[in-house]
Protein backbone atom coordinates (compact mmCIF):
# COMPACT_ATOMS: atom_id res chain seq x y z
CA UNK A 1 58.66 -85.61 -26.76
CA UNK A 2 56.11 -88.04 -24.87
CA UNK A 3 53.58 -87.76 -27.42
CA UNK A 4 56.38 -88.26 -30.46
CA UNK A 5 57.26 -91.41 -28.76
CA UNK A 6 53.67 -92.42 -28.41
CA UNK A 7 53.04 -91.80 -31.94
CA UNK A 8 55.88 -93.57 -33.20
CA UNK A 9 54.78 -96.76 -31.12
CA UNK A 10 51.43 -96.55 -32.60
CA UNK A 11 52.75 -96.33 -35.92
CA UNK A 12 55.08 -99.15 -35.53
CA UNK A 13 52.43 -101.18 -34.50
CA UNK A 14 50.20 -100.16 -37.33
CA UNK A 15 52.92 -100.70 -40.15
CA UNK A 16 54.95 -103.42 -38.73
CA UNK A 17 58.56 -101.75 -39.33
CA UNK A 18 60.30 -99.31 -37.11
CA UNK A 19 62.17 -97.64 -40.15
CA UNK A 20 59.07 -97.08 -42.02
CA UNK A 21 57.29 -95.79 -38.86
CA UNK A 22 60.22 -93.44 -38.14
CA UNK A 23 59.98 -91.88 -41.88
CA UNK A 24 55.94 -91.58 -41.62
CA UNK A 25 56.45 -89.64 -38.41
CA UNK A 26 59.26 -87.60 -40.01
CA UNK A 27 56.86 -86.84 -42.78
CA UNK A 28 53.90 -85.93 -40.39
CA UNK A 29 56.21 -83.52 -38.42
CA UNK A 30 57.58 -81.71 -41.57
CA UNK A 31 53.92 -81.52 -42.93
CA UNK A 32 52.92 -79.90 -39.26
CA UNK A 33 55.61 -77.59 -39.11
CA UNK A 34 55.43 -76.42 -42.50
CA UNK A 35 51.69 -75.77 -41.81
CA UNK A 36 51.85 -74.30 -38.33
CA UNK A 37 55.42 -73.34 -37.51
CA UNK A 38 57.63 -72.64 -40.59
CA UNK A 39 60.78 -73.49 -39.17
CA UNK A 40 62.00 -76.37 -41.59
CA UNK A 41 62.58 -74.98 -45.16
CA UNK A 42 60.25 -75.72 -48.44
CA UNK A 43 62.35 -79.08 -49.45
CA UNK A 44 60.54 -78.37 -53.28
CA UNK A 45 61.31 -75.00 -53.56
CA UNK A 46 65.12 -75.56 -54.65
CA UNK A 47 64.08 -77.76 -57.34
CA UNK A 48 61.34 -75.25 -58.63
CA UNK A 49 63.96 -72.42 -58.62
CA UNK A 50 66.38 -74.40 -60.41
CA UNK A 51 64.08 -75.35 -63.00
CA UNK A 52 63.10 -71.81 -63.57
CA UNK A 53 67.00 -70.79 -63.61
CA UNK A 54 67.61 -73.23 -66.31
CA UNK A 55 64.62 -71.56 -68.34
CA UNK A 56 66.09 -67.88 -67.80
CA UNK A 57 69.65 -69.20 -69.04
CA UNK A 58 68.02 -70.46 -72.14
CA UNK A 59 66.36 -67.30 -72.71
CA UNK A 60 69.35 -65.08 -72.23
CA UNK A 61 71.62 -67.42 -74.70
CA UNK A 62 68.88 -66.73 -77.25
CA UNK A 63 68.20 -62.88 -76.21
CA UNK A 64 71.46 -61.64 -74.17
CA UNK A 65 69.81 -58.03 -73.76
CA UNK A 66 66.75 -59.37 -72.10
CA UNK A 67 67.28 -57.20 -68.91
CA UNK A 68 63.95 -58.82 -67.24
CA UNK A 69 65.26 -62.07 -67.36
CA UNK A 70 68.95 -61.07 -66.02
CA UNK A 71 66.95 -59.50 -62.89
CA UNK A 72 64.75 -62.40 -62.46
CA UNK A 73 67.77 -65.03 -62.54
CA UNK A 74 69.83 -62.63 -60.04
CA UNK A 75 66.93 -62.84 -57.82
CA UNK A 76 66.60 -66.45 -58.18
CA UNK A 77 70.50 -66.91 -57.54
CA UNK A 78 70.17 -64.52 -54.42
CA UNK A 79 67.45 -66.65 -53.10
CA UNK A 80 69.52 -69.92 -53.84
CA UNK A 81 72.56 -67.83 -52.00
CA UNK A 82 74.67 -67.65 -55.20
CA UNK A 83 75.72 -64.38 -54.43
CA UNK A 84 78.54 -64.09 -56.51
CA UNK A 85 76.70 -65.65 -59.65
CA UNK A 86 74.01 -63.18 -59.02
CA UNK A 87 76.19 -59.87 -58.97
CA UNK A 88 77.38 -59.65 -62.70
CA UNK A 89 73.70 -59.99 -63.85
CA UNK A 90 72.37 -57.10 -61.34
CA UNK A 91 75.59 -55.00 -62.58
CA UNK A 92 74.52 -55.29 -66.18
CA UNK A 93 71.06 -54.50 -65.22
CA UNK A 94 72.27 -51.32 -63.10
CA UNK A 95 73.40 -49.80 -66.25
CA UNK A 96 69.95 -50.04 -67.74
CA UNK A 97 68.08 -49.29 -64.37
CA UNK A 98 70.35 -46.54 -62.63
CA UNK A 99 67.59 -45.13 -60.34
CA UNK A 100 66.33 -48.43 -59.29
CA UNK A 101 66.45 -48.69 -55.37
CA UNK A 102 65.89 -52.60 -55.76
CA UNK A 103 68.66 -53.26 -57.82
CA UNK A 104 71.00 -51.16 -55.77
CA UNK A 105 69.77 -52.87 -52.75
CA UNK A 106 70.36 -56.45 -54.37
CA UNK A 107 73.58 -55.26 -55.21
CA UNK A 108 74.68 -54.34 -51.68
CA UNK A 109 73.36 -57.55 -50.42
CA UNK A 110 75.44 -59.50 -52.63
CA UNK A 111 78.70 -57.52 -51.60
CA UNK A 112 77.68 -58.00 -47.95
CA UNK A 113 77.11 -61.57 -48.03
CA UNK A 114 80.51 -61.97 -50.17
CA UNK A 115 82.07 -60.18 -47.16
CA UNK A 116 82.75 -56.70 -48.93
CA UNK A 117 81.22 -54.44 -46.31
CA UNK A 118 82.23 -51.22 -47.79
CA UNK A 119 80.65 -51.88 -51.28
CA UNK A 120 77.85 -53.46 -49.71
CA UNK A 121 77.11 -50.49 -47.48
CA UNK A 122 77.57 -48.07 -50.10
CA UNK A 123 74.84 -49.71 -52.49
CA UNK A 124 72.57 -50.13 -49.50
CA UNK A 125 72.61 -46.63 -48.55
CA UNK A 126 72.39 -45.55 -52.16
CA UNK A 127 69.23 -47.70 -52.20
CA UNK A 128 67.66 -45.74 -49.32
CA UNK A 129 68.70 -42.38 -50.61
CA UNK A 130 66.54 -43.55 -53.78
CA UNK A 131 63.70 -45.07 -51.37
CA UNK A 132 63.93 -44.93 -47.86
CA UNK A 133 61.52 -47.84 -47.78
CA UNK A 134 63.21 -49.87 -50.01
CA UNK A 135 62.07 -53.55 -49.85
CA UNK A 136 60.10 -52.39 -46.66
CA UNK A 137 63.08 -51.22 -44.99
CA UNK A 138 65.22 -54.53 -45.28
CA UNK A 139 68.16 -52.51 -45.97
CA UNK A 140 68.56 -51.31 -42.74
CA UNK A 141 68.10 -54.89 -41.49
CA UNK A 142 70.60 -56.38 -43.72
CA UNK A 143 73.09 -54.05 -42.81
CA UNK A 144 72.79 -54.45 -39.29
CA UNK A 145 73.09 -58.37 -39.57
CA UNK A 146 76.33 -57.80 -41.81
CA UNK A 147 78.19 -55.26 -39.39
CA UNK A 148 77.16 -56.91 -36.03
CA UNK A 149 80.14 -58.85 -35.76
CA UNK A 150 82.56 -56.08 -36.64
CA UNK A 151 80.69 -52.83 -35.85
CA UNK A 152 77.80 -53.72 -33.00
CA UNK A 153 77.04 -50.20 -32.21
CA UNK A 154 76.57 -49.15 -35.78
CA UNK A 155 74.84 -52.25 -36.52
CA UNK A 156 72.28 -51.65 -33.61
CA UNK A 157 71.75 -48.11 -35.03
CA UNK A 158 70.68 -50.03 -38.48
CA UNK A 159 68.35 -52.15 -36.51
CA UNK A 160 66.83 -49.39 -34.53
CA UNK A 161 65.78 -47.47 -38.04
CA UNK A 162 64.25 -50.85 -39.13
CA UNK A 163 62.77 -51.01 -36.15
CA UNK A 164 61.11 -47.70 -36.20
CA UNK A 165 59.99 -48.37 -39.89
CA UNK A 166 58.39 -51.85 -38.62
CA UNK A 167 57.38 -51.73 -35.20
CA UNK A 168 55.50 -54.89 -35.53
CA UNK A 169 58.76 -56.89 -36.96
CA UNK A 170 59.41 -59.60 -34.47
CA UNK A 171 62.65 -60.29 -36.37
CA UNK A 172 63.91 -56.89 -35.69
CA UNK A 173 63.27 -56.82 -32.03
CA UNK A 174 65.29 -60.19 -31.59
CA UNK A 175 68.00 -58.99 -33.59
CA UNK A 176 68.00 -55.95 -31.74
CA UNK A 177 68.17 -57.91 -28.53
CA UNK A 178 71.09 -60.03 -29.74
CA UNK A 179 73.27 -56.61 -30.44
CA UNK A 180 72.43 -55.37 -27.19
CA UNK A 181 73.82 -58.47 -25.83
CA UNK A 182 77.10 -57.69 -27.95
CA UNK A 183 77.35 -54.14 -26.48
CA UNK A 184 76.73 -55.55 -22.96
CA UNK A 185 73.38 -54.00 -22.39
CA UNK A 186 71.48 -56.82 -20.63
CA UNK A 187 68.39 -55.04 -19.64
CA UNK A 188 68.05 -53.64 -23.14
CA UNK A 189 68.26 -57.18 -24.40
CA UNK A 190 65.90 -58.44 -22.29
CA UNK A 191 63.45 -55.64 -23.04
CA UNK A 192 63.77 -56.35 -26.70
CA UNK A 193 63.42 -60.14 -26.47
CA UNK A 194 60.18 -59.33 -24.31
CA UNK A 195 58.78 -56.87 -27.00
CA UNK A 196 59.26 -59.36 -29.53
CA UNK A 197 57.12 -61.88 -27.92
CA UNK A 198 54.67 -59.32 -26.98
CA UNK A 199 54.36 -58.18 -31.03
CA UNK A 200 54.04 -61.66 -32.23
CA UNK A 201 51.01 -62.31 -29.57
CA UNK A 202 49.07 -59.15 -31.15
CA UNK A 203 49.81 -60.17 -34.86
CA UNK A 204 47.02 -61.92 -36.97
CA UNK A 205 47.45 -65.29 -37.69
CA UNK A 206 48.83 -65.25 -41.11
CA UNK A 207 51.63 -62.91 -39.68
CA UNK A 208 52.20 -64.84 -36.55
CA UNK A 209 53.01 -67.99 -38.61
CA UNK A 210 55.60 -66.13 -40.72
CA UNK A 211 57.55 -64.49 -37.66
CA UNK A 212 57.10 -67.56 -35.39
CA UNK A 213 60.66 -68.56 -36.07
CA UNK A 214 62.08 -65.14 -34.34
CA UNK A 215 59.24 -65.44 -31.41
CA UNK A 216 60.57 -68.97 -30.65
CA UNK A 217 64.16 -67.91 -30.68
CA UNK A 218 63.19 -64.64 -28.49
CA UNK A 219 61.54 -67.16 -25.81
CA UNK A 220 64.81 -69.24 -25.42
CA UNK A 221 66.85 -66.10 -24.57
């Protein structure tokens, strides 16, 4: 905090305007976070996704049977958290790609995010049946995340399955710690948070940056 105040004071002195100095400081902090920490979102990405979605909609207006365009558009909508809009495109895609574990996973994810846990779990488990490592095991993680408020014991089982697939996932250990806390397993929770930090320290640099958010959250537990 002291460093930020000193930098702000220096910028104010240089530019002669406190509001401009604050704006420059915020830009500097954002750039540093994006480069080294990764807690703040990419502010340009929503605009890029929106432009790409518009092009895909135009393509589909000209060719409504373009399955690859439907799938790409659905994935963009999921990334933009527009799950109810993504779902019809995925369901149309599934009729063509019935054996796609990825499509089952994405339909399941939409249902989970929309609050339909029964359908969501059904599609997720079908995805796992088709490919146990679908999305690198993300199905287990998303099931654990969705079921945590209502069924913490089952959620913990899914997160443990994800952890077994990804012993180097800081997020898995952090979420497992949260679930253990919900279940009143305080020692297990502390152990999971410690393991999250230990794993993060042992990761290569590029991976440490990707998972730093979960390590920071675990550190404050």
